[in-house]
Amino acid sequence: MKDLVLRQHKDHALEPLARNLFGSVSPSLISIVALIPGLLSAAAIVQGELGWGIGFWFLNRLLDGLDGVVARTHDKQSDFGGYLDLLLDFVIYLAIPIAFVVAAPTRAHIWALIALLASYQINSLSWTLLSSLLEKRQAAFKSRLTSIEMPAGLIEGAETVLFYTLFFLLPAYVPWLFGVMAALVFVTAGQRVRWAWRYLE
């Protein structure tokens, strides 16, 4: 929901780094390298090292934000790059909640994880199917943020970063945070279904 507002600030902050240090680096390589601290974050959670976990999480997010800025700054944008970036994001978005449940496999954690993963599945279907139809109709959004077409929703990248950071900062409340995030992601899926009903009739 806040991605459009925050993207300009993020790009402005990272552009000097992208322009001066990463001109010869492939954005897709940055996306792949970003996977490493993301998986290390999940491993740290399982080991109960949340300090290391949040550090690796922030490094993953920094690199994830950098790949797109490098692509735009050096005119290296590609559909494959956008596809790979989003795919690897989802690997980390799945690995971290699963790691919290592996670290504390209580009934509350497990059921909250099931709800969260179910919301991710429904939301993914809500926009991937819609994206295919929009491409079929050759429809595009003027304010698109990624290579994939999708209307805006309540939970997007910025809100996801916020929730995941709270998982690290408030581990005792992880089941509640999972539940709240799942509910909001279901709302986001509903927003996209409503959008589709309105514009694709």
N, C-alpha and C. Protein backbone atom coordinates (compact mmCIF):
# COMPACT_ATOMS: atom_id res chain seq x y z
N MET A 1 0.82 -1.20 0.00
CA MET A 1 0.00 0.00 0.00
C MET A 1 0.86 1.26 0.00
N LYS A 2 2.03 1.19 0.66
CA LYS A 2 2.93 2.34 0.75
C LYS A 2 4.08 2.26 -0.26
N ASP A 3 4.10 1.24 -1.11
CA ASP A 3 5.24 1.04 -2.00
C ASP A 3 5.48 2.22 -2.93
N LEU A 4 4.41 2.77 -3.49
CA LEU A 4 4.56 3.90 -4.40
C LEU A 4 5.21 5.09 -3.72
N VAL A 5 4.82 5.33 -2.46
CA VAL A 5 5.36 6.47 -1.72
C VAL A 5 6.82 6.24 -1.35
N LEU A 6 7.13 5.02 -0.89
CA LEU A 6 8.46 4.75 -0.36
C LEU A 6 9.49 4.45 -1.44
N ARG A 7 9.04 4.03 -2.61
CA ARG A 7 10.00 3.63 -3.64
C ARG A 7 10.90 4.79 -4.06
N GLN A 8 10.34 5.98 -4.20
CA GLN A 8 11.15 7.11 -4.60
C GLN A 8 12.24 7.41 -3.58
N HIS A 9 11.91 7.31 -2.29
CA HIS A 9 12.90 7.55 -1.25
C HIS A 9 13.99 6.48 -1.28
N LYS A 10 13.57 5.23 -1.46
CA LYS A 10 14.53 4.13 -1.51
C LYS A 10 15.47 4.28 -2.71
N ASP A 11 14.90 4.59 -3.87
CA ASP A 11 15.73 4.75 -5.07
C ASP A 11 16.71 5.91 -4.91
N HIS A 12 16.23 6.99 -4.32
CA HIS A 12 17.10 8.16 -4.12
C HIS A 12 18.26 7.82 -3.19
N ALA A 13 17.98 7.05 -2.15
CA ALA A 13 19.02 6.69 -1.18
C ALA A 13 20.05 5.72 -1.77
N LEU A 14 19.59 4.79 -2.61
CA LEU A 14 20.47 3.74 -3.12
C LEU A 14 21.13 4.09 -4.46
N GLU A 15 20.66 5.13 -5.12
CA GLU A 15 21.17 5.43 -6.46
C GLU A 15 22.68 5.72 -6.48
N PRO A 16 23.24 6.49 -5.52
CA PRO A 16 24.71 6.70 -5.56
C PRO A 16 25.48 5.39 -5.46
N LEU A 17 25.01 4.47 -4.60
CA LEU A 17 25.65 3.17 -4.47
C LEU A 17 25.54 2.38 -5.76
N ALA A 18 24.36 2.38 -6.35
CA ALA A 18 24.13 1.65 -7.59
C ALA A 18 24.96 2.23 -8.74
N ARG A 19 25.07 3.55 -8.79
CA ARG A 19 25.77 4.20 -9.89
C ARG A 19 27.29 4.03 -9.79
N ASN A 20 27.82 4.11 -8.58
CA ASN A 20 29.27 4.15 -8.42
C ASN A 20 29.93 2.79 -8.19
N LEU A 21 29.20 1.84 -7.60
CA LEU A 21 29.84 0.58 -7.23
C LEU A 21 29.32 -0.64 -7.98
N PHE A 22 28.16 -0.53 -8.59
CA PHE A 22 27.55 -1.73 -9.16
C PHE A 22 27.24 -1.60 -10.66
N GLY A 23 27.94 -0.71 -11.35
CA GLY A 23 27.67 -0.50 -12.76
C GLY A 23 27.92 -1.71 -13.62
N SER A 24 28.92 -2.53 -13.25
CA SER A 24 29.26 -3.69 -14.07
C SER A 24 28.64 -4.99 -13.57
N VAL A 25 27.81 -4.88 -12.54
CA VAL A 25 27.22 -6.07 -11.92
C VAL A 25 25.81 -6.31 -12.47
N SER A 26 25.51 -7.55 -12.78
CA SER A 26 24.17 -7.89 -13.26
C SER A 26 23.16 -7.76 -12.12
N PRO A 27 22.02 -7.09 -12.35
CA PRO A 27 20.98 -7.03 -11.31
C PRO A 27 20.51 -8.41 -10.88
N SER A 28 20.45 -9.35 -11.81
CA SER A 28 20.02 -10.72 -11.45
C SER A 28 21.01 -11.38 -10.51
N LEU A 29 22.30 -11.08 -10.68
CA LEU A 29 23.31 -11.62 -9.77
C LEU A 29 23.11 -11.06 -8.36
N ILE A 30 22.76 -9.78 -8.27
CA ILE A 30 22.47 -9.19 -6.96
C ILE A 30 21.27 -9.89 -6.32
N SER A 31 20.24 -10.18 -7.12
CA SER A 31 19.06 -10.89 -6.61
C SER A 31 19.45 -12.26 -6.05
N ILE A 32 20.33 -12.96 -6.76
CA ILE A 32 20.76 -14.30 -6.33
C ILE A 32 21.60 -14.20 -5.05
N VAL A 33 22.52 -13.23 -5.02
CA VAL A 33 23.35 -13.05 -3.83
C VAL A 33 22.49 -12.68 -2.62
N ALA A 34 21.42 -11.91 -2.85
CA ALA A 34 20.53 -11.52 -1.75
C ALA A 34 19.88 -12.73 -1.09
N LEU A 35 19.75 -13.82 -1.85
CA LEU A 35 19.16 -15.03 -1.30
C LEU A 35 19.99 -15.58 -0.13
N ILE A 36 21.30 -15.40 -0.19
CA ILE A 36 22.18 -15.99 0.83
C ILE A 36 21.91 -15.43 2.23
N PRO A 37 21.94 -14.11 2.43
CA PRO A 37 21.61 -13.62 3.78
C PRO A 37 20.17 -13.90 4.18
N GLY A 38 19.27 -14.00 3.21
CA GLY A 38 17.90 -14.35 3.54
C GLY A 38 17.81 -15.74 4.14
N LEU A 39 18.51 -16.70 3.53
CA LEU A 39 18.51 -18.06 4.06
C LEU A 39 19.31 -18.15 5.36
N LEU A 40 20.37 -17.36 5.47
CA LEU A 40 21.12 -17.32 6.74
C LEU A 40 20.25 -16.75 7.86
N SER A 41 19.38 -15.81 7.52
CA SER A 41 18.45 -15.28 8.52
C SER A 41 17.54 -16.39 9.05
N ALA A 42 17.00 -17.20 8.13
CA ALA A 42 16.14 -18.31 8.54
C ALA A 42 16.91 -19.30 9.40
N ALA A 43 18.16 -19.59 9.01
CA ALA A 43 18.98 -20.52 9.80
C ALA A 43 19.25 -19.97 11.20
N ALA A 44 19.48 -18.66 11.29
CA ALA A 44 19.73 -18.04 12.60
C ALA A 44 18.51 -18.13 13.49
N ILE A 45 17.33 -17.98 12.91
CA ILE A 45 16.08 -18.08 13.68
C ILE A 45 15.97 -19.48 14.29
N VAL A 46 16.23 -20.49 13.48
CA VAL A 46 16.14 -21.88 13.96
C VAL A 46 17.10 -22.10 15.12
N GLN A 47 18.27 -21.45 15.07
CA GLN A 47 19.26 -21.60 16.13
C GLN A 47 18.98 -20.69 17.33
N GLY A 48 17.92 -19.88 17.24
CA GLY A 48 17.59 -18.99 18.35
C GLY A 48 18.42 -17.72 18.39
N GLU A 49 19.13 -17.42 17.30
CA GLU A 49 19.99 -16.24 17.22
C GLU A 49 19.24 -15.12 16.48
N LEU A 50 18.29 -14.48 17.16
CA LEU A 50 17.45 -13.50 16.48
C LEU A 50 18.21 -12.21 16.15
N GLY A 51 19.26 -11.90 16.91
CA GLY A 51 20.08 -10.74 16.58
C GLY A 51 20.74 -10.90 15.22
N TRP A 52 21.35 -12.08 15.01
CA TRP A 52 21.93 -12.37 13.71
C TRP A 52 20.83 -12.46 12.65
N GLY A 53 19.71 -13.03 13.05
CA GLY A 53 18.61 -13.20 12.09
C GLY A 53 18.12 -11.89 11.53
N ILE A 54 17.91 -10.91 12.39
CA ILE A 54 17.41 -9.62 11.90
C ILE A 54 18.48 -8.88 11.10
N GLY A 55 19.74 -9.07 11.47
CA GLY A 55 20.82 -8.46 10.70
C GLY A 55 20.87 -9.01 9.28
N PHE A 56 20.79 -10.33 9.16
CA PHE A 56 20.77 -10.94 7.83
C PHE A 56 19.51 -10.55 7.06
N TRP A 57 18.40 -10.43 7.77
CA TRP A 57 17.14 -10.01 7.14
C TRP A 57 17.28 -8.62 6.52
N PHE A 58 17.85 -7.69 7.27
CA PHE A 58 18.03 -6.33 6.74
C PHE A 58 19.00 -6.32 5.56
N LEU A 59 20.04 -7.15 5.62
CA LEU A 59 20.98 -7.23 4.49
C LEU A 59 20.28 -7.78 3.25
N ASN A 60 19.44 -8.78 3.45
CA ASN A 60 18.65 -9.32 2.34
C ASN A 60 17.77 -8.25 1.72
N ARG A 61 17.12 -7.46 2.56
CA ARG A 61 16.22 -6.41 2.05
C ARG A 61 17.01 -5.31 1.34
N LEU A 62 18.21 -4.99 1.87
CA LEU A 62 19.04 -3.98 1.22
C LEU A 62 19.42 -4.42 -0.19
N LEU A 63 19.90 -5.65 -0.30
CA LEU A 63 20.29 -6.16 -1.61
C LEU A 63 19.08 -6.30 -2.53
N ASP A 64 17.95 -6.69 -1.97
CA ASP A 64 16.74 -6.81 -2.78
C ASP A 64 16.31 -5.45 -3.32
N GLY A 65 16.49 -4.41 -2.53
CA GLY A 65 16.16 -3.08 -3.02
C GLY A 65 17.18 -2.56 -4.02
N LEU A 66 18.41 -3.03 -3.90
CA LEU A 66 19.49 -2.53 -4.75
C LEU A 66 19.40 -3.07 -6.18
N ASP A 67 18.95 -4.31 -6.34
CA ASP A 67 18.97 -4.89 -7.69
C ASP A 67 18.13 -4.08 -8.68
N GLY A 68 16.95 -3.66 -8.24
CA GLY A 68 16.09 -2.88 -9.12
C GLY A 68 16.67 -1.51 -9.44
N VAL A 69 17.31 -0.89 -8.44
CA VAL A 69 17.91 0.43 -8.66
C VAL A 69 19.08 0.31 -9.65
N VAL A 70 19.88 -0.73 -9.51
CA VAL A 70 20.97 -0.97 -10.46
C VAL A 70 20.42 -1.16 -11.87
N ALA A 71 19.34 -1.94 -11.97
CA ALA A 71 18.75 -2.19 -13.29
C ALA A 71 18.25 -0.90 -13.92
N ARG A 72 17.58 -0.06 -13.14
CA ARG A 72 17.05 1.18 -13.70
C ARG A 72 18.14 2.21 -13.98
N THR A 73 19.13 2.29 -13.09
CA THR A 73 20.19 3.28 -13.24
C THR A 73 21.05 3.01 -14.46
N HIS A 74 21.31 1.72 -14.73
CA HIS A 74 22.22 1.34 -15.81
C HIS A 74 21.48 0.75 -17.01
N ASP A 75 20.17 0.97 -17.05
CA ASP A 75 19.35 0.50 -18.18
C ASP A 75 19.53 -0.99 -18.43
N LYS A 76 19.42 -1.77 -17.35
CA LYS A 76 19.57 -3.22 -17.44
C LYS A 76 18.28 -3.95 -17.06
N GLN A 77 17.17 -3.27 -17.15
CA GLN A 77 15.90 -3.89 -16.78
C GLN A 77 15.53 -4.99 -17.77
N SER A 78 14.98 -6.06 -17.23
CA SER A 78 14.51 -7.17 -18.08
C SER A 78 13.36 -7.87 -17.38
N ASP A 79 12.53 -8.51 -18.17
CA ASP A 79 11.43 -9.27 -17.60
C ASP A 79 11.95 -10.44 -16.77
N PHE A 80 13.04 -11.07 -17.23
CA PHE A 80 13.61 -12.17 -16.45
C PHE A 80 14.09 -11.69 -15.10
N GLY A 81 14.73 -10.52 -15.08
CA GLY A 81 15.21 -9.97 -13.82
C GLY A 81 14.08 -9.71 -12.85
N GLY A 82 12.98 -9.14 -13.35
CA GLY A 82 11.82 -8.90 -12.49
C GLY A 82 11.21 -10.19 -11.98
N TYR A 83 11.16 -11.19 -12.87
CA TYR A 83 10.62 -12.51 -12.51
C TYR A 83 11.48 -13.16 -11.43
N LEU A 84 12.81 -13.16 -11.64
CA LEU A 84 13.72 -13.79 -10.69
C LEU A 84 13.67 -13.10 -9.33
N ASP A 85 13.65 -11.78 -9.35
CA ASP A 85 13.60 -11.00 -8.11
C ASP A 85 12.38 -11.37 -7.29
N LEU A 86 11.22 -11.42 -7.93
CA LEU A 86 9.98 -11.74 -7.21
C LEU A 86 9.98 -13.18 -6.72
N LEU A 87 10.46 -14.10 -7.54
CA LEU A 87 10.51 -15.50 -7.14
C LEU A 87 11.39 -15.71 -5.91
N LEU A 88 12.58 -15.10 -5.90
CA LEU A 88 13.49 -15.26 -4.77
C LEU A 88 12.96 -14.54 -3.53
N ASP A 89 12.23 -13.44 -3.72
CA ASP A 89 11.56 -12.80 -2.57
C ASP A 89 10.64 -13.79 -1.87
N PHE A 90 9.89 -14.54 -2.66
CA PHE A 90 8.93 -15.47 -2.07
C PHE A 90 9.63 -16.62 -1.35
N VAL A 91 10.80 -17.01 -1.83
CA VAL A 91 11.57 -18.04 -1.12
C VAL A 91 11.86 -17.57 0.31
N ILE A 92 12.30 -16.33 0.45
CA ILE A 92 12.62 -15.78 1.77
C ILE A 92 11.35 -15.53 2.59
N TYR A 93 10.30 -15.04 1.93
CA TYR A 93 9.04 -14.79 2.63
C TYR A 93 8.45 -16.08 3.19
N LEU A 94 8.77 -17.21 2.58
CA LEU A 94 8.31 -18.50 3.11
C LEU A 94 9.28 -19.05 4.16
N ALA A 95 10.58 -18.90 3.89
CA ALA A 95 11.58 -19.52 4.76
C ALA A 95 11.55 -18.94 6.17
N ILE A 96 11.37 -17.63 6.29
CA ILE A 96 11.46 -17.01 7.61
C ILE A 96 10.31 -17.41 8.53
N PRO A 97 9.04 -17.33 8.11
CA PRO A 97 7.98 -17.81 9.02
C PRO A 97 8.11 -19.29 9.37
N ILE A 98 8.50 -20.10 8.39
CA ILE A 98 8.69 -21.52 8.66
C ILE A 98 9.78 -21.71 9.71
N ALA A 99 10.85 -20.92 9.62
CA ALA A 99 11.94 -21.02 10.59
C ALA A 99 11.47 -20.70 12.00
N PHE A 100 10.60 -19.69 12.14
CA PHE A 100 10.07 -19.36 13.47
C PHE A 100 9.28 -20.53 14.05
N VAL A 101 8.57 -21.25 13.22
CA VAL A 101 7.78 -22.38 13.71
C VAL A 101 8.68 -23.58 14.01
N VAL A 102 9.71 -23.78 13.21
CA VAL A 102 10.68 -24.85 13.51
C VAL A 102 11.34 -24.58 14.86
N ALA A 103 11.62 -23.31 15.12
CA ALA A 103 12.27 -22.95 16.39
C ALA A 103 11.34 -23.10 17.58
N ALA A 104 10.04 -22.93 17.37
CA ALA A 104 9.06 -23.04 18.46
C ALA A 104 7.80 -23.71 17.91
N PRO A 105 7.81 -25.03 17.76
CA PRO A 105 6.71 -25.74 17.10
C PRO A 105 5.51 -25.99 18.01
N THR A 106 4.96 -24.93 18.57
CA THR A 106 3.76 -25.06 19.39
C THR A 106 2.54 -25.13 18.49
N ARG A 107 1.42 -25.55 19.07
CA ARG A 107 0.19 -25.64 18.29
C ARG A 107 -0.22 -24.26 17.75
N ALA A 108 -0.07 -23.24 18.59
CA ALA A 108 -0.44 -21.88 18.16
C ALA A 108 0.43 -21.42 16.98
N HIS A 109 1.72 -21.70 17.07
CA HIS A 109 2.62 -21.32 15.97
C HIS A 109 2.25 -22.06 14.69
N ILE A 110 1.97 -23.34 14.81
CA ILE A 110 1.68 -24.15 13.62
C ILE A 110 0.41 -23.69 12.93
N TRP A 111 -0.66 -23.48 13.70
CA TRP A 111 -1.92 -23.05 13.10
C TRP A 111 -1.82 -21.65 12.52
N ALA A 112 -1.08 -20.79 13.19
CA ALA A 112 -0.88 -19.44 12.65
C ALA A 112 -0.09 -19.48 11.35
N LEU A 113 0.91 -20.36 11.29
CA LEU A 113 1.69 -20.52 10.06
C LEU A 113 0.81 -21.04 8.92
N ILE A 114 -0.04 -22.01 9.23
CA ILE A 114 -0.95 -22.54 8.21
C ILE A 114 -1.83 -21.42 7.65
N ALA A 115 -2.36 -20.58 8.53
CA ALA A 115 -3.20 -19.46 8.09
C ALA A 115 -2.40 -18.49 7.21
N LEU A 116 -1.16 -18.20 7.63
CA LEU A 116 -0.33 -17.27 6.87
C LEU A 116 0.00 -17.83 5.49
N LEU A 117 0.41 -19.09 5.44
CA LEU A 117 0.76 -19.69 4.15
C LEU A 117 -0.46 -19.81 3.24
N ALA A 118 -1.63 -20.09 3.83
CA ALA A 118 -2.85 -20.15 3.03
C ALA A 118 -3.18 -18.78 2.44
N SER A 119 -2.98 -17.73 3.23
CA SER A 119 -3.24 -16.38 2.71
C SER A 119 -2.28 -16.04 1.58
N TYR A 120 -1.01 -16.46 1.71
CA TYR A 120 -0.04 -16.23 0.65
C TYR A 120 -0.48 -16.93 -0.64
N GLN A 121 -0.95 -18.16 -0.50
CA GLN A 121 -1.36 -18.93 -1.68
C GLN A 121 -2.54 -18.28 -2.39
N ILE A 122 -3.55 -17.89 -1.61
CA ILE A 122 -4.73 -17.25 -2.21
C ILE A 122 -4.35 -15.91 -2.83
N ASN A 123 -3.53 -15.14 -2.13
CA ASN A 123 -3.12 -13.84 -2.67
C ASN A 123 -2.29 -14.00 -3.94
N SER A 124 -1.37 -14.97 -3.93
CA SER A 124 -0.56 -15.21 -5.13
C SER A 124 -1.43 -15.56 -6.33
N LEU A 125 -2.42 -16.42 -6.10
CA LEU A 125 -3.33 -16.77 -7.19
C LEU A 125 -4.14 -15.56 -7.63
N SER A 126 -4.52 -14.71 -6.67
CA SER A 126 -5.37 -13.56 -7.01
C SER A 126 -4.67 -12.61 -7.97
N TRP A 127 -3.33 -12.45 -7.83
CA TRP A 127 -2.68 -11.52 -8.74
C TRP A 127 -1.95 -12.18 -9.91
N THR A 128 -1.53 -13.45 -9.76
CA THR A 128 -0.89 -14.08 -10.91
C THR A 128 -1.90 -14.39 -12.00
N LEU A 129 -3.08 -14.87 -11.60
CA LEU A 129 -4.13 -15.11 -12.60
C LEU A 129 -4.56 -13.79 -13.23
N LEU A 130 -4.70 -12.76 -12.40
CA LEU A 130 -5.08 -11.45 -12.91
C LEU A 130 -4.00 -10.89 -13.83
N SER A 131 -2.74 -11.10 -13.47
CA SER A 131 -1.65 -10.63 -14.30
C SER A 131 -1.70 -11.24 -15.69
N SER A 132 -2.01 -12.55 -15.75
CA SER A 132 -2.11 -13.22 -17.05
C SER A 132 -3.21 -12.62 -17.90
N LEU A 133 -4.35 -12.32 -17.27
CA LEU A 133 -5.46 -11.74 -18.01
C LEU A 133 -5.14 -10.33 -18.49
N LEU A 134 -4.44 -9.57 -17.64
CA LEU A 134 -4.07 -8.21 -18.04
C LEU A 134 -3.08 -8.22 -19.20
N GLU A 135 -2.13 -9.15 -19.16
CA GLU A 135 -1.21 -9.27 -20.28
C GLU A 135 -1.95 -9.69 -21.55
N LYS A 136 -2.91 -10.58 -21.39
CA LYS A 136 -3.71 -11.01 -22.53
C LYS A 136 -4.45 -9.83 -23.16
N ARG A 137 -4.94 -8.96 -22.32
CA ARG A 137 -5.67 -7.78 -22.80
C ARG A 137 -4.73 -6.62 -23.13
N GLN A 138 -3.43 -6.85 -22.91
CA GLN A 138 -2.42 -5.81 -23.14
C GLN A 138 -2.73 -4.56 -22.32
N ALA A 139 -3.20 -4.79 -21.09
CA ALA A 139 -3.48 -3.68 -20.17
C ALA A 139 -2.27 -3.46 -19.29
N ALA A 140 -1.98 -2.21 -18.99
CA ALA A 140 -0.83 -1.89 -18.16
C ALA A 140 -1.17 -0.78 -17.19
N PHE A 141 -0.48 -0.76 -16.06
CA PHE A 141 -0.64 0.29 -15.06
C PHE A 141 0.44 1.33 -15.25
N LYS A 142 0.09 2.58 -15.18
CA LYS A 142 1.07 3.64 -15.34
C LYS A 142 2.06 3.66 -14.19
N SER A 143 1.66 3.17 -13.03
CA SER A 143 2.53 3.23 -11.85
C SER A 143 3.07 1.86 -11.46
N ARG A 144 3.24 0.98 -12.44
CA ARG A 144 3.69 -0.38 -12.13
C ARG A 144 5.04 -0.34 -11.42
N LEU A 145 5.22 -1.23 -10.44
CA LEU A 145 6.44 -1.27 -9.65
C LEU A 145 7.35 -2.42 -10.05
N THR A 146 6.79 -3.45 -10.67
CA THR A 146 7.57 -4.62 -10.99
C THR A 146 7.29 -5.02 -12.44
N SER A 147 7.96 -6.09 -12.87
CA SER A 147 7.71 -6.59 -14.23
C SER A 147 6.37 -7.31 -14.33
N ILE A 148 5.77 -7.61 -13.19
CA ILE A 148 4.50 -8.32 -13.15
C ILE A 148 3.38 -7.32 -12.94
N GLU A 149 2.33 -7.44 -13.76
CA GLU A 149 1.19 -6.54 -13.63
C GLU A 149 0.33 -6.93 -12.44
N MET A 150 0.01 -5.97 -11.57
CA MET A 150 -0.89 -6.23 -10.47
C MET A 150 -1.41 -4.91 -9.92
N PRO A 151 -2.68 -4.85 -9.52
CA PRO A 151 -3.18 -3.64 -8.85
C PRO A 151 -2.65 -3.56 -7.43
N ALA A 152 -2.66 -2.36 -6.88
CA ALA A 152 -2.17 -2.17 -5.52
C ALA A 152 -3.07 -2.87 -4.51
N GLY A 153 -2.49 -3.19 -3.35
CA GLY A 153 -3.26 -3.85 -2.30
C GLY A 153 -2.83 -3.37 -0.93
N LEU A 154 -3.53 -3.82 0.08
CA LEU A 154 -3.28 -3.39 1.46
C LEU A 154 -1.89 -3.83 1.94
N ILE A 155 -1.51 -5.07 1.62
CA ILE A 155 -0.21 -5.60 2.02
C ILE A 155 0.66 -5.76 0.78
N GLU A 156 1.74 -4.97 0.73
CA GLU A 156 2.69 -5.06 -0.36
C GLU A 156 4.09 -5.18 0.25
N GLY A 157 5.10 -4.74 -0.49
CA GLY A 157 6.47 -4.94 -0.02
C GLY A 157 6.79 -4.25 1.29
N ALA A 158 6.42 -2.97 1.41
CA ALA A 158 6.77 -2.21 2.61
C ALA A 158 6.11 -2.80 3.86
N GLU A 159 4.84 -3.17 3.74
CA GLU A 159 4.12 -3.73 4.88
C GLU A 159 4.68 -5.10 5.26
N THR A 160 5.12 -5.85 4.25
CA THR A 160 5.71 -7.16 4.53
C THR A 160 7.01 -6.99 5.30
N VAL A 161 7.84 -6.05 4.89
CA VAL A 161 9.10 -5.78 5.62
C VAL A 161 8.80 -5.40 7.07
N LEU A 162 7.78 -4.58 7.28
CA LEU A 162 7.41 -4.16 8.63
C LEU A 162 6.99 -5.37 9.48
N PHE A 163 6.10 -6.19 8.96
CA PHE A 163 5.63 -7.35 9.73
C PHE A 163 6.78 -8.30 10.04
N TYR A 164 7.63 -8.58 9.06
CA TYR A 164 8.72 -9.53 9.28
C TYR A 164 9.72 -8.98 10.29
N THR A 165 9.94 -7.69 10.27
CA THR A 165 10.81 -7.10 11.29
C THR A 165 10.20 -7.26 12.68
N LEU A 166 8.89 -7.11 12.77
CA LEU A 166 8.21 -7.31 14.06
C LEU A 166 8.32 -8.76 14.53
N PHE A 167 8.37 -9.72 13.61
CA PHE A 167 8.56 -11.11 14.03
C PHE A 167 9.84 -11.24 14.85
N PHE A 168 10.90 -10.56 14.39
CA PHE A 168 12.18 -10.63 15.11
C PHE A 168 12.14 -9.87 16.43
N LEU A 169 11.49 -8.71 16.41
CA LEU A 169 11.50 -7.85 17.59
C LEU A 169 10.54 -8.33 18.68
N LEU A 170 9.47 -9.02 18.28
CA LEU A 170 8.44 -9.47 19.23
C LEU A 170 8.19 -10.97 19.06
N PRO A 171 9.20 -11.81 19.28
CA PRO A 171 9.03 -13.24 19.01
C PRO A 171 7.94 -13.90 19.84
N ALA A 172 7.66 -13.39 21.03
CA ALA A 172 6.61 -13.98 21.86
C ALA A 172 5.22 -13.79 21.24
N TYR A 173 5.11 -12.82 20.33
CA TYR A 173 3.81 -12.52 19.72
C TYR A 173 3.73 -13.02 18.27
N VAL A 174 4.66 -13.88 17.89
CA VAL A 174 4.68 -14.35 16.50
C VAL A 174 3.35 -14.98 16.06
N PRO A 175 2.71 -15.85 16.85
CA PRO A 175 1.42 -16.39 16.38
C PRO A 175 0.38 -15.30 16.11
N TRP A 176 0.33 -14.29 16.98
CA TRP A 176 -0.61 -13.19 16.77
C TRP A 176 -0.24 -12.38 15.53
N LEU A 177 1.05 -12.13 15.36
CA LEU A 177 1.49 -11.37 14.19
C LEU A 177 1.23 -12.14 12.91
N PHE A 178 1.47 -13.45 12.93
CA PHE A 178 1.14 -14.27 11.76
C PHE A 178 -0.36 -14.15 11.44
N GLY A 179 -1.18 -14.24 12.50
CA GLY A 179 -2.62 -14.20 12.29
C GLY A 179 -3.10 -12.87 11.73
N VAL A 180 -2.57 -11.78 12.28
CA VAL A 180 -2.97 -10.46 11.79
C VAL A 180 -2.51 -10.28 10.35
N MET A 181 -1.28 -10.68 10.07
CA MET A 181 -0.79 -10.53 8.70
C MET A 181 -1.60 -11.38 7.73
N ALA A 182 -1.93 -12.60 8.14
CA ALA A 182 -2.75 -13.47 7.28
C ALA A 182 -4.08 -12.81 6.97
N ALA A 183 -4.73 -12.25 7.98
CA ALA A 183 -6.02 -11.59 7.76
C ALA A 183 -5.88 -10.44 6.77
N LEU A 184 -4.82 -9.64 6.90
CA LEU A 184 -4.63 -8.50 6.02
C LEU A 184 -4.27 -8.94 4.60
N VAL A 185 -3.54 -10.05 4.48
CA VAL A 185 -3.22 -10.57 3.15
C VAL A 185 -4.49 -11.10 2.47
N PHE A 186 -5.37 -11.74 3.26
CA PHE A 186 -6.66 -12.16 2.68
C PHE A 186 -7.46 -10.95 2.20
N VAL A 187 -7.42 -9.86 2.96
CA VAL A 187 -8.09 -8.62 2.53
C VAL A 187 -7.49 -8.13 1.22
N THR A 188 -6.15 -8.20 1.11
CA THR A 188 -5.47 -7.78 -0.11
C THR A 188 -5.94 -8.61 -1.31
N ALA A 189 -6.04 -9.92 -1.10
CA ALA A 189 -6.54 -10.79 -2.17
C ALA A 189 -7.97 -10.38 -2.56
N GLY A 190 -8.78 -10.06 -1.54
CA GLY A 190 -10.14 -9.62 -1.82
C GLY A 190 -10.18 -8.33 -2.61
N GLN A 191 -9.25 -7.42 -2.32
CA GLN A 191 -9.17 -6.17 -3.07
C GLN A 191 -8.90 -6.44 -4.55
N ARG A 192 -8.05 -7.40 -4.83
CA ARG A 192 -7.71 -7.70 -6.22
C ARG A 192 -8.85 -8.42 -6.93
N VAL A 193 -9.57 -9.26 -6.18
CA VAL A 193 -10.76 -9.89 -6.77
C VAL A 193 -11.80 -8.82 -7.10
N ARG A 194 -11.97 -7.89 -6.17
CA ARG A 194 -12.92 -6.80 -6.42
C ARG A 194 -12.49 -5.97 -7.63
N TRP A 195 -11.20 -5.70 -7.75
CA TRP A 195 -10.67 -4.95 -8.89
C TRP A 195 -10.96 -5.71 -10.18
N ALA A 196 -10.71 -7.02 -10.16
CA ALA A 196 -10.95 -7.83 -11.35
C ALA A 196 -12.43 -7.84 -11.72
N TRP A 197 -13.29 -7.98 -10.72
CA TRP A 197 -14.74 -7.97 -10.97
C TRP A 197 -15.19 -6.64 -11.59
N ARG A 198 -14.54 -5.57 -11.15
CA ARG A 198 -14.92 -4.24 -11.63
C ARG A 198 -14.44 -3.96 -13.06
N TYR A 199 -13.21 -4.40 -13.36
CA TYR A 199 -12.60 -4.00 -14.63
C TYR A 199 -12.58 -5.09 -15.70
N LEU A 200 -12.79 -6.34 -15.31
CA LEU A 200 -12.68 -7.42 -16.30
C LEU A 200 -14.04 -7.98 -16.70
N GLU A 201 -15.12 -7.37 -16.23
CA GLU A 201 -16.45 -7.84 -16.61
C GLU A 201 -16.67 -7.68 -18.11
